[in-house]
Every structure is written in structure tokens, then in C-alpha cells.
Amino acid sequence: MQVRRILCAVDFSEPAHEALHYSVDLARLFDAELTLFHVYHVPGYGMPEGSFILPGPETVARLFAKIDERLAGWRREAEERGAARVDVATSQGNAWHENVEHARHAYHPIVVGPHGHTGLRHVLLGSVADRVVRHAPCPVLIVRPSDHALE
């Protein structure tokens, strides 16, 4: 198995942080490039009459700046943990779809930390990790909490 480019899905949650640790371990083990990938939604408000209101340019600029700042922190952590080549990327849209589409650029594997929703919430919302597994063009590693150490 050759692992050259790893895509780590980052939503800034604790499960994604666990996935980051695992991704760094894999990047070191295989001397692979690591990309931290965040998918965002520009917040909007639906009105009763069917119109949609988007935030102003200052709000969107602050959102993007915050995302860039958080990704830079995660990148620094990956580098401090020993990943030699770390890149960051972002996309707007549906998280599972954007992760799958970005992985089509020759990533192997995608590393995802699931949120572990159960019951009605899982039925109604589904799982980003489940959908990534079903549609990904490459292997997907699902990292459950506290099992990131490669020994």
C-alpha cells in the first residue's frame, strides 16, 4: 500500500481533532503529504415568504478570517506533531459531498472523525462519515475517539 496524500476532514470538533492526530501519525509513517480540509456554509436566514437573507460582506469576511485562523492553528499542531508536509484547503457546500469531490484529486485515504449521532438525529441528518464512506473514490479511515495512536 502506498499512501502519498492524506485528506483529513476538519470541522474543528473533538472527533476531527482525533482524526488529525491519526492523520499526522499516518503522514509520518508513510512520509505522505497531509491536507487539512474544511467545508463551510455561509450562514443565511430563510424568511416566511420564501426569501433568503445572506450576511453582509463584513460578517462573511470575519467568518473566513476565523476559519483561516483555526486552520492555521491545526496546521501548526500537525507540524509540531511531526507531519513534514501540511497543506490546508477549504470549500463551501455540503460536507460529505465536498470531501468526496476533493478526494478525487488523488488522495488516499480520507480520514474522518465521526460525531457518533444516534437515534432520530442520525436518521434525520445522516452522518457525514457514513456518506463519505459510501461515495469516496478511495479508502476512508473512520477514527473513533482515543484510538489514534499507531503502535
N, C-alpha and C. Protein backbone atom coordinates (compact mmCIF):
# COMPACT_ATOMS: atom_id res chain seq x y z
N MET A 1 0.85 -1.18 0.00
CA MET A 1 0.00 0.00 0.00
C MET A 1 0.89 1.23 0.00
N GLN A 2 0.58 2.14 -0.89
CA GLN A 2 1.31 3.41 -0.93
C GLN A 2 0.36 4.53 -0.55
N VAL A 3 0.75 5.28 0.45
CA VAL A 3 -0.03 6.43 0.89
C VAL A 3 0.84 7.65 0.62
N ARG A 4 0.41 8.48 -0.31
CA ARG A 4 1.19 9.67 -0.66
C ARG A 4 0.51 10.97 -0.24
N ARG A 5 -0.82 10.99 -0.30
CA ARG A 5 -1.58 12.20 0.03
C ARG A 5 -2.76 11.81 0.91
N ILE A 6 -2.83 12.42 2.07
CA ILE A 6 -3.88 12.13 3.05
C ILE A 6 -4.78 13.35 3.16
N LEU A 7 -6.09 13.12 3.12
CA LEU A 7 -7.06 14.19 3.29
C LEU A 7 -7.72 14.01 4.65
N CYS A 8 -7.54 14.99 5.52
CA CYS A 8 -8.15 14.95 6.86
C CYS A 8 -9.31 15.94 6.90
N ALA A 9 -10.51 15.43 7.11
CA ALA A 9 -11.70 16.27 7.20
C ALA A 9 -11.69 17.01 8.54
N VAL A 10 -11.79 18.34 8.47
CA VAL A 10 -11.69 19.17 9.67
C VAL A 10 -12.96 20.00 9.83
N ASP A 11 -13.70 19.75 10.92
CA ASP A 11 -14.83 20.63 11.25
C ASP A 11 -14.63 21.29 12.61
N PHE A 12 -13.42 21.17 13.13
CA PHE A 12 -12.99 21.77 14.39
C PHE A 12 -13.63 21.13 15.62
N SER A 13 -14.21 19.96 15.47
CA SER A 13 -14.81 19.23 16.59
C SER A 13 -13.76 18.34 17.25
N GLU A 14 -14.09 17.79 18.39
CA GLU A 14 -13.19 16.85 19.06
C GLU A 14 -12.95 15.59 18.21
N PRO A 15 -14.00 15.00 17.59
CA PRO A 15 -13.72 13.85 16.71
C PRO A 15 -12.77 14.21 15.56
N ALA A 16 -12.89 15.42 15.01
CA ALA A 16 -11.96 15.83 13.94
C ALA A 16 -10.55 16.00 14.48
N HIS A 17 -10.44 16.43 15.73
CA HIS A 17 -9.13 16.58 16.35
C HIS A 17 -8.47 15.21 16.51
N GLU A 18 -9.25 14.21 16.88
CA GLU A 18 -8.73 12.84 16.94
C GLU A 18 -8.27 12.39 15.55
N ALA A 19 -9.06 12.72 14.52
CA ALA A 19 -8.68 12.36 13.15
C ALA A 19 -7.39 13.05 12.74
N LEU A 20 -7.19 14.28 13.20
CA LEU A 20 -5.94 15.00 12.93
C LEU A 20 -4.75 14.22 13.49
N HIS A 21 -4.86 13.77 14.73
CA HIS A 21 -3.76 13.01 15.35
C HIS A 21 -3.45 11.76 14.52
N TYR A 22 -4.46 11.04 14.13
CA TYR A 22 -4.27 9.82 13.35
C TYR A 22 -3.65 10.16 12.00
N SER A 23 -4.14 11.23 11.36
CA SER A 23 -3.61 11.64 10.06
C SER A 23 -2.13 11.98 10.14
N VAL A 24 -1.74 12.66 11.21
CA VAL A 24 -0.32 13.01 11.39
C VAL A 24 0.50 11.73 11.56
N ASP A 25 0.01 10.78 12.34
CA ASP A 25 0.72 9.51 12.51
C ASP A 25 0.92 8.83 11.16
N LEU A 26 -0.13 8.80 10.35
CA LEU A 26 -0.03 8.19 9.01
C LEU A 26 0.93 8.96 8.11
N ALA A 27 0.85 10.28 8.15
CA ALA A 27 1.75 11.10 7.32
C ALA A 27 3.20 10.83 7.68
N ARG A 28 3.49 10.72 8.97
CA ARG A 28 4.87 10.43 9.39
C ARG A 28 5.27 9.02 8.95
N LEU A 29 4.39 8.06 9.17
CA LEU A 29 4.68 6.66 8.85
C LEU A 29 4.98 6.47 7.37
N PHE A 30 4.21 7.13 6.52
CA PHE A 30 4.35 6.94 5.07
C PHE A 30 5.07 8.10 4.38
N ASP A 31 5.57 9.07 5.15
CA ASP A 31 6.20 10.26 4.59
C ASP A 31 5.27 10.87 3.53
N ALA A 32 4.00 11.04 3.91
CA ALA A 32 2.97 11.50 2.99
C ALA A 32 2.63 12.97 3.23
N GLU A 33 2.07 13.59 2.21
CA GLU A 33 1.55 14.94 2.31
C GLU A 33 0.20 14.88 3.02
N LEU A 34 -0.05 15.83 3.89
CA LEU A 34 -1.31 15.89 4.65
C LEU A 34 -2.04 17.18 4.30
N THR A 35 -3.30 17.05 3.90
CA THR A 35 -4.13 18.23 3.66
C THR A 35 -5.26 18.25 4.68
N LEU A 36 -5.37 19.36 5.39
CA LEU A 36 -6.46 19.58 6.32
C LEU A 36 -7.55 20.31 5.55
N PHE A 37 -8.72 19.70 5.46
CA PHE A 37 -9.79 20.18 4.58
C PHE A 37 -11.03 20.54 5.38
N HIS A 38 -11.44 21.81 5.26
CA HIS A 38 -12.62 22.29 5.98
C HIS A 38 -13.70 22.73 5.00
N VAL A 39 -14.92 22.26 5.23
CA VAL A 39 -16.06 22.67 4.42
C VAL A 39 -16.93 23.59 5.28
N TYR A 40 -17.30 24.73 4.73
CA TYR A 40 -18.07 25.71 5.49
C TYR A 40 -19.37 26.03 4.76
N HIS A 41 -20.29 26.58 5.52
CA HIS A 41 -21.55 27.10 4.99
C HIS A 41 -21.61 28.58 5.34
N VAL A 42 -21.92 29.40 4.38
CA VAL A 42 -22.16 30.81 4.68
C VAL A 42 -23.57 30.85 5.30
N PRO A 43 -23.67 31.37 6.53
CA PRO A 43 -24.97 31.37 7.18
C PRO A 43 -25.96 32.27 6.46
N GLY A 44 -27.21 31.85 6.46
CA GLY A 44 -28.27 32.64 5.85
C GLY A 44 -29.56 32.44 6.63
N TYR A 45 -30.51 33.25 6.34
CA TYR A 45 -31.78 33.22 7.07
C TYR A 45 -32.93 33.11 6.08
N GLY A 46 -33.75 32.08 6.26
CA GLY A 46 -34.94 31.92 5.44
C GLY A 46 -36.09 32.70 6.06
N MET A 47 -36.79 33.41 5.22
CA MET A 47 -37.93 34.21 5.67
C MET A 47 -39.23 33.47 5.33
N PRO A 48 -40.30 33.73 6.09
CA PRO A 48 -41.57 33.03 5.87
C PRO A 48 -42.10 33.14 4.44
N GLU A 49 -41.89 34.26 3.79
CA GLU A 49 -42.41 34.43 2.42
C GLU A 49 -41.53 33.74 1.38
N GLY A 50 -40.46 33.10 1.82
CA GLY A 50 -39.61 32.34 0.90
C GLY A 50 -38.34 33.04 0.48
N SER A 51 -38.15 34.27 0.89
CA SER A 51 -36.89 34.94 0.54
C SER A 51 -35.77 34.46 1.47
N PHE A 52 -34.58 34.77 1.07
CA PHE A 52 -33.40 34.30 1.80
C PHE A 52 -32.48 35.49 2.01
N ILE A 53 -32.03 35.69 3.23
CA ILE A 53 -31.15 36.81 3.56
C ILE A 53 -29.76 36.29 3.88
N LEU A 54 -28.76 36.82 3.20
CA LEU A 54 -27.37 36.45 3.45
C LEU A 54 -26.70 37.54 4.30
N PRO A 55 -25.68 37.16 5.06
CA PRO A 55 -24.98 38.17 5.86
C PRO A 55 -24.20 39.14 4.97
N GLY A 56 -23.86 40.29 5.55
CA GLY A 56 -23.11 41.30 4.81
C GLY A 56 -21.66 40.91 4.61
N PRO A 57 -20.95 41.65 3.78
CA PRO A 57 -19.57 41.32 3.45
C PRO A 57 -18.64 41.31 4.67
N GLU A 58 -18.88 42.20 5.65
CA GLU A 58 -18.01 42.22 6.84
C GLU A 58 -18.17 40.93 7.65
N THR A 59 -19.41 40.46 7.76
CA THR A 59 -19.67 39.22 8.51
C THR A 59 -19.01 38.03 7.82
N VAL A 60 -19.15 37.97 6.50
CA VAL A 60 -18.54 36.87 5.73
C VAL A 60 -17.01 36.94 5.84
N ALA A 61 -16.46 38.14 5.77
CA ALA A 61 -15.00 38.29 5.89
C ALA A 61 -14.53 37.83 7.27
N ARG A 62 -15.28 38.14 8.33
CA ARG A 62 -14.91 37.69 9.67
C ARG A 62 -14.99 36.16 9.77
N LEU A 63 -16.02 35.58 9.16
CA LEU A 63 -16.16 34.11 9.15
C LEU A 63 -14.95 33.48 8.48
N PHE A 64 -14.57 33.98 7.30
CA PHE A 64 -13.43 33.41 6.58
C PHE A 64 -12.13 33.60 7.36
N ALA A 65 -11.97 34.75 7.98
CA ALA A 65 -10.76 35.00 8.77
C ALA A 65 -10.69 34.03 9.94
N LYS A 66 -11.81 33.76 10.58
CA LYS A 66 -11.84 32.83 11.72
C LYS A 66 -11.50 31.41 11.26
N ILE A 67 -12.05 31.01 10.12
CA ILE A 67 -11.75 29.69 9.57
C ILE A 67 -10.25 29.59 9.27
N ASP A 68 -9.69 30.60 8.60
CA ASP A 68 -8.26 30.60 8.27
C ASP A 68 -7.40 30.53 9.53
N GLU A 69 -7.80 31.28 10.56
CA GLU A 69 -7.06 31.28 11.83
C GLU A 69 -7.10 29.90 12.48
N ARG A 70 -8.26 29.29 12.53
CA ARG A 70 -8.37 27.96 13.14
C ARG A 70 -7.58 26.92 12.35
N LEU A 71 -7.68 26.97 11.01
CA LEU A 71 -6.91 26.02 10.20
C LEU A 71 -5.41 26.20 10.38
N ALA A 72 -4.96 27.44 10.51
CA ALA A 72 -3.54 27.69 10.75
C ALA A 72 -3.10 27.06 12.07
N GLY A 73 -3.93 27.14 13.08
CA GLY A 73 -3.60 26.51 14.36
C GLY A 73 -3.53 25.00 14.25
N TRP A 74 -4.46 24.41 13.52
CA TRP A 74 -4.44 22.95 13.32
C TRP A 74 -3.22 22.55 12.49
N ARG A 75 -2.87 23.38 11.51
CA ARG A 75 -1.69 23.09 10.70
C ARG A 75 -0.43 23.12 11.58
N ARG A 76 -0.32 24.15 12.43
CA ARG A 76 0.84 24.22 13.34
C ARG A 76 0.91 22.98 14.22
N GLU A 77 -0.24 22.56 14.74
CA GLU A 77 -0.24 21.35 15.58
C GLU A 77 0.23 20.13 14.80
N ALA A 78 -0.24 19.99 13.56
CA ALA A 78 0.19 18.85 12.74
C ALA A 78 1.70 18.88 12.51
N GLU A 79 2.23 20.06 12.24
CA GLU A 79 3.67 20.19 12.03
C GLU A 79 4.44 19.92 13.31
N GLU A 80 3.95 20.41 14.44
CA GLU A 80 4.61 20.16 15.72
C GLU A 80 4.59 18.68 16.09
N ARG A 81 3.58 17.97 15.64
CA ARG A 81 3.48 16.53 15.91
C ARG A 81 4.33 15.71 14.93
N GLY A 82 4.91 16.37 13.92
CA GLY A 82 5.86 15.68 13.06
C GLY A 82 5.46 15.49 11.61
N ALA A 83 4.34 16.04 11.18
CA ALA A 83 3.98 15.95 9.77
C ALA A 83 4.88 16.92 9.00
N ALA A 84 5.57 16.40 7.99
CA ALA A 84 6.56 17.21 7.28
C ALA A 84 5.94 18.15 6.25
N ARG A 85 4.89 17.69 5.57
CA ARG A 85 4.25 18.50 4.52
C ARG A 85 2.76 18.60 4.82
N VAL A 86 2.35 19.79 5.26
CA VAL A 86 0.95 20.02 5.63
C VAL A 86 0.41 21.18 4.82
N ASP A 87 -0.75 20.96 4.23
CA ASP A 87 -1.43 22.00 3.47
C ASP A 87 -2.84 22.14 4.05
N VAL A 88 -3.48 23.25 3.77
CA VAL A 88 -4.87 23.44 4.17
C VAL A 88 -5.68 23.81 2.93
N ALA A 89 -6.96 23.43 2.96
CA ALA A 89 -7.86 23.76 1.86
C ALA A 89 -9.26 23.92 2.44
N THR A 90 -10.07 24.73 1.76
CA THR A 90 -11.44 24.94 2.18
C THR A 90 -12.36 24.85 0.97
N SER A 91 -13.63 24.62 1.27
CA SER A 91 -14.65 24.60 0.23
C SER A 91 -15.98 24.97 0.87
N GLN A 92 -16.87 25.48 0.07
CA GLN A 92 -18.21 25.81 0.54
C GLN A 92 -19.18 24.77 0.01
N GLY A 93 -20.08 24.29 0.88
CA GLY A 93 -21.10 23.36 0.41
C GLY A 93 -21.43 22.30 1.43
N ASN A 94 -21.88 21.19 0.92
CA ASN A 94 -22.25 20.04 1.73
C ASN A 94 -20.99 19.28 2.13
N ALA A 95 -20.83 19.03 3.42
CA ALA A 95 -19.56 18.47 3.93
C ALA A 95 -19.20 17.13 3.30
N TRP A 96 -20.11 16.16 3.28
CA TRP A 96 -19.72 14.85 2.75
C TRP A 96 -19.41 14.96 1.25
N HIS A 97 -20.21 15.71 0.50
CA HIS A 97 -20.01 15.82 -0.94
C HIS A 97 -18.68 16.51 -1.27
N GLU A 98 -18.40 17.60 -0.58
CA GLU A 98 -17.16 18.34 -0.84
C GLU A 98 -15.92 17.51 -0.48
N ASN A 99 -16.00 16.74 0.61
CA ASN A 99 -14.87 15.86 0.97
C ASN A 99 -14.64 14.80 -0.10
N VAL A 100 -15.72 14.21 -0.60
CA VAL A 100 -15.60 13.19 -1.65
C VAL A 100 -15.03 13.81 -2.92
N GLU A 101 -15.55 14.97 -3.32
CA GLU A 101 -15.07 15.62 -4.54
C GLU A 101 -13.61 16.04 -4.41
N HIS A 102 -13.23 16.57 -3.27
CA HIS A 102 -11.83 16.99 -3.08
C HIS A 102 -10.90 15.77 -3.11
N ALA A 103 -11.38 14.64 -2.60
CA ALA A 103 -10.56 13.42 -2.59
C ALA A 103 -10.29 12.91 -3.99
N ARG A 104 -11.09 13.31 -4.94
CA ARG A 104 -10.86 12.87 -6.33
C ARG A 104 -9.55 13.42 -6.89
N HIS A 105 -8.92 14.36 -6.19
CA HIS A 105 -7.63 14.92 -6.62
C HIS A 105 -6.48 14.06 -6.08
N ALA A 106 -6.63 12.74 -6.17
CA ALA A 106 -5.57 11.77 -5.85
C ALA A 106 -5.22 11.67 -4.37
N TYR A 107 -6.21 11.74 -3.51
CA TYR A 107 -5.95 11.50 -2.09
C TYR A 107 -6.21 10.04 -1.77
N HIS A 108 -5.44 9.52 -0.81
CA HIS A 108 -5.54 8.13 -0.41
C HIS A 108 -4.89 8.00 0.95
N PRO A 109 -5.60 7.99 2.00
CA PRO A 109 -7.05 7.91 2.24
C PRO A 109 -7.63 9.25 2.67
N ILE A 110 -8.96 9.22 2.96
CA ILE A 110 -9.64 10.30 3.66
C ILE A 110 -9.72 9.86 5.11
N VAL A 111 -9.42 10.75 6.04
CA VAL A 111 -9.52 10.43 7.47
C VAL A 111 -10.61 11.32 8.07
N VAL A 112 -11.58 10.68 8.72
CA VAL A 112 -12.75 11.37 9.24
C VAL A 112 -12.98 10.97 10.69
N GLY A 113 -13.34 11.94 11.51
CA GLY A 113 -13.75 11.66 12.88
C GLY A 113 -15.26 11.77 12.98
N PRO A 114 -15.97 10.67 13.23
CA PRO A 114 -17.44 10.72 13.27
C PRO A 114 -17.95 11.38 14.55
N HIS A 115 -19.13 11.95 14.46
CA HIS A 115 -19.73 12.59 15.63
C HIS A 115 -20.51 11.62 16.49
N GLY A 116 -20.84 10.44 15.99
CA GLY A 116 -21.50 9.43 16.80
C GLY A 116 -22.95 9.73 17.13
N HIS A 117 -23.65 10.45 16.24
CA HIS A 117 -25.07 10.69 16.47
C HIS A 117 -25.81 9.36 16.42
N THR A 118 -26.82 9.23 17.26
CA THR A 118 -27.63 8.02 17.27
C THR A 118 -29.10 8.41 17.23
N GLY A 119 -29.94 7.40 17.09
CA GLY A 119 -31.37 7.62 17.18
C GLY A 119 -31.91 8.51 16.08
N LEU A 120 -32.91 9.31 16.44
CA LEU A 120 -33.61 10.14 15.48
C LEU A 120 -32.69 11.14 14.79
N ARG A 121 -31.75 11.72 15.55
CA ARG A 121 -30.83 12.70 14.96
C ARG A 121 -30.03 12.05 13.81
N HIS A 122 -29.58 10.80 14.01
CA HIS A 122 -28.82 10.11 12.96
C HIS A 122 -29.73 9.80 11.77
N VAL A 123 -30.96 9.37 12.04
CA VAL A 123 -31.88 9.04 10.96
C VAL A 123 -32.20 10.27 10.12
N LEU A 124 -32.46 11.41 10.79
CA LEU A 124 -32.85 12.62 10.08
C LEU A 124 -31.67 13.29 9.38
N LEU A 125 -30.54 13.37 10.04
CA LEU A 125 -29.40 14.09 9.50
C LEU A 125 -28.42 13.19 8.75
N GLY A 126 -28.42 11.90 9.07
CA GLY A 126 -27.43 11.02 8.50
C GLY A 126 -26.08 11.33 9.11
N SER A 127 -25.06 10.80 8.54
CA SER A 127 -23.72 11.02 9.05
C SER A 127 -22.81 11.41 7.90
N VAL A 128 -22.05 12.47 8.11
CA VAL A 128 -21.07 12.87 7.10
C VAL A 128 -20.13 11.70 6.85
N ALA A 129 -19.65 11.08 7.92
CA ALA A 129 -18.71 9.95 7.78
C ALA A 129 -19.34 8.80 7.00
N ASP A 130 -20.60 8.46 7.29
CA ASP A 130 -21.28 7.39 6.56
C ASP A 130 -21.34 7.68 5.06
N ARG A 131 -21.69 8.91 4.74
CA ARG A 131 -21.83 9.27 3.33
C ARG A 131 -20.48 9.33 2.64
N VAL A 132 -19.46 9.80 3.33
CA VAL A 132 -18.12 9.80 2.75
C VAL A 132 -17.70 8.37 2.44
N VAL A 133 -17.93 7.45 3.37
CA VAL A 133 -17.57 6.04 3.16
C VAL A 133 -18.29 5.49 1.93
N ARG A 134 -19.56 5.79 1.80
CA ARG A 134 -20.35 5.24 0.69
C ARG A 134 -19.96 5.81 -0.67
N HIS A 135 -19.47 7.04 -0.72
CA HIS A 135 -19.25 7.68 -2.01
C HIS A 135 -17.78 7.98 -2.34
N ALA A 136 -16.88 7.76 -1.44
CA ALA A 136 -15.48 8.13 -1.65
C ALA A 136 -14.83 7.31 -2.76
N PRO A 137 -13.93 7.94 -3.51
CA PRO A 137 -13.21 7.24 -4.56
C PRO A 137 -11.96 6.53 -4.04
N CYS A 138 -11.76 6.55 -2.72
CA CYS A 138 -10.55 5.98 -2.11
C CYS A 138 -10.90 5.42 -0.73
N PRO A 139 -9.97 4.74 -0.09
CA PRO A 139 -10.24 4.25 1.26
C PRO A 139 -10.54 5.40 2.23
N VAL A 140 -11.36 5.11 3.22
CA VAL A 140 -11.73 6.09 4.24
C VAL A 140 -11.43 5.46 5.60
N LEU A 141 -10.71 6.21 6.44
CA LEU A 141 -10.45 5.77 7.80
C LEU A 141 -11.36 6.56 8.73
N ILE A 142 -12.17 5.85 9.49
CA ILE A 142 -13.03 6.46 10.48
C ILE A 142 -12.31 6.33 11.82
N VAL A 143 -11.98 7.45 12.43
CA VAL A 143 -11.22 7.44 13.67
C VAL A 143 -12.16 7.70 14.83
N ARG A 144 -12.32 6.69 15.64
CA ARG A 144 -13.15 6.83 16.84
C ARG A 144 -12.29 7.43 17.93
N PRO A 145 -12.89 8.10 18.90
CA PRO A 145 -12.11 8.74 19.98
C PRO A 145 -11.13 7.79 20.65
N SER A 146 -9.94 8.30 20.88
CA SER A 146 -8.88 7.63 21.64
C SER A 146 -8.29 6.40 20.98
N ASP A 147 -8.47 6.19 19.70
CA ASP A 147 -7.77 5.08 19.06
C ASP A 147 -6.86 5.56 17.94
N HIS A 148 -6.27 6.77 18.14
CA HIS A 148 -5.43 7.35 17.09
C HIS A 148 -3.98 6.91 17.14
N ALA A 149 -3.52 6.34 18.23
CA ALA A 149 -2.10 6.02 18.33
C ALA A 149 -1.74 4.81 17.51
N LEU A 150 -0.78 4.96 16.64
CA LEU A 150 -0.24 3.83 15.87
C LEU A 150 0.94 3.27 16.66
N GLU A 151 0.79 2.07 17.12
CA GLU A 151 1.88 1.49 17.93
C GLU A 151 2.45 0.27 17.26
